[in-house]
Protein backbone atom coordinates (compact mmCIF):
# COMPACT_ATOMS: atom_id res chain seq x y z
CA MET A 1 -17.29 0.01 -3.72
CA VAL A 2 -14.80 -1.17 -1.12
CA LYS A 3 -11.68 0.69 -0.06
CA LEU A 4 -8.40 -0.58 1.34
CA LEU A 5 -6.72 1.98 3.59
CA MET A 6 -3.05 1.43 4.38
CA SER A 7 -0.62 3.40 6.55
CA TRP A 8 3.04 3.03 7.47
CA ASP A 9 6.33 4.74 8.28
CA ILE A 10 9.37 4.45 6.03
CA LYS A 11 12.36 2.86 7.76
CA PRO A 12 15.24 5.29 8.34
CA GLY A 13 17.74 5.24 5.49
CA ARG A 14 15.37 3.42 3.11
CA ASP A 15 13.71 6.48 1.53
CA SER A 16 15.28 6.22 -1.93
CA GLU A 17 14.75 2.45 -2.18
CA TYR A 18 11.19 2.83 -0.89
CA PHE A 19 10.16 5.53 -3.37
CA GLU A 20 11.71 3.64 -6.28
CA PHE A 21 9.84 0.48 -5.28
CA VAL A 22 6.50 2.28 -4.88
CA VAL A 23 6.75 3.97 -8.28
CA ARG A 24 8.19 1.07 -10.27
CA GLU A 25 6.63 -1.99 -8.63
CA PHE A 26 3.99 -1.40 -5.95
CA VAL A 27 1.58 0.97 -7.71
CA PRO A 28 1.82 -0.81 -11.10
CA GLY A 29 1.46 -4.17 -9.31
CA ILE A 30 -1.67 -3.31 -7.34
CA THR A 31 -3.18 -1.70 -10.42
CA ARG A 32 -2.61 -4.92 -12.40
CA LEU A 33 -4.36 -6.81 -9.61
CA GLY A 34 -7.43 -4.60 -9.93
CA LEU A 35 -6.90 -2.33 -6.93
CA GLN A 36 -7.41 1.21 -8.22
CA PRO A 37 -5.23 3.68 -6.26
CA THR A 38 -7.27 6.63 -5.01
CA GLU A 39 -4.92 8.72 -2.89
CA ALA A 40 -1.54 8.90 -1.20
CA TRP A 41 -0.74 11.29 1.64
CA PHE A 42 2.72 11.97 3.01
CA THR A 43 2.96 13.42 6.52
CA ILE A 44 5.73 15.98 6.91
CA TYR A 45 4.98 17.12 10.45
CA GLY A 46 3.19 15.56 13.39
CA ASP A 47 2.77 12.31 15.25
CA ARG A 48 0.89 10.40 12.55
CA PRO A 49 1.80 7.65 10.07
CA GLN A 50 4.24 8.99 7.51
CA VAL A 51 2.25 7.52 4.59
CA LEU A 52 -1.50 7.00 4.21
CA THR A 53 -2.76 5.54 0.96
CA GLY A 54 -5.88 3.91 -0.39
CA GLY A 55 -7.28 1.90 -3.26
CA ILE A 56 -10.72 0.71 -4.30
CA THR A 57 -12.37 -2.31 -5.85
CA GLU A 58 -15.90 -2.85 -7.08
CA ASP A 59 -16.88 -5.17 -4.21
CA LEU A 60 -15.64 -7.11 -1.20
CA ASP A 61 -15.13 -10.33 -3.17
CA ALA A 62 -12.71 -8.58 -5.53
CA MET A 63 -10.82 -7.07 -2.59
CA GLN A 64 -10.54 -10.44 -0.87
CA ARG A 65 -9.30 -12.10 -4.07
CA ILE A 66 -6.61 -9.44 -4.45
CA LEU A 67 -5.44 -9.70 -0.84
CA ALA A 68 -5.30 -13.51 -1.09
CA SER A 69 -3.28 -13.51 -4.33
CA LYS A 70 0.37 -14.50 -4.51
CA GLU A 71 1.26 -11.29 -6.35
CA TRP A 72 -0.22 -9.18 -3.53
CA GLN A 73 1.64 -11.26 -0.95
CA LYS A 74 4.92 -10.68 -2.81
CA LEU A 75 4.32 -6.93 -3.14
CA HIS A 76 3.25 -6.68 0.50
CA ALA A 77 6.28 -8.64 1.74
CA ARG A 78 8.62 -6.40 -0.24
CA LEU A 79 6.90 -3.29 1.14
CA LEU A 80 7.30 -4.60 4.70
CA GLU A 81 11.07 -4.79 4.16
CA MET A 82 11.13 -0.99 3.87
CA VAL A 83 8.45 0.18 6.29
CA THR A 84 7.36 -0.13 9.92
CA ASN A 85 4.04 0.31 11.70
CA TYR A 86 2.09 -1.08 8.72
CA ARG A 87 -1.66 -1.09 9.20
CA GLN A 88 -4.51 -1.84 6.83
CA LYS A 89 -8.26 -1.60 7.03
CA ILE A 90 -11.03 -2.45 4.60
CA VAL A 91 -13.94 0.01 4.59
């Protein structure tokens, strides 16, 4: 299995819009693509990314196909409108 780890901070004043997007579009969208969400952590206190989340695929080829897809690019671009300090890592 291969995991995609992502972290970011929600832009000030975008909380409601962000949470609505994640629940209604982002999670269903990545699931349709074949990226199985595994966890989501929300940091309340400390100097760390506000959100840390992950998803898995069966192998690296599947992960690369997902990340190269137009649907992922649309979801990712929309996410970047509402967050800062986005980082991702494949492990």
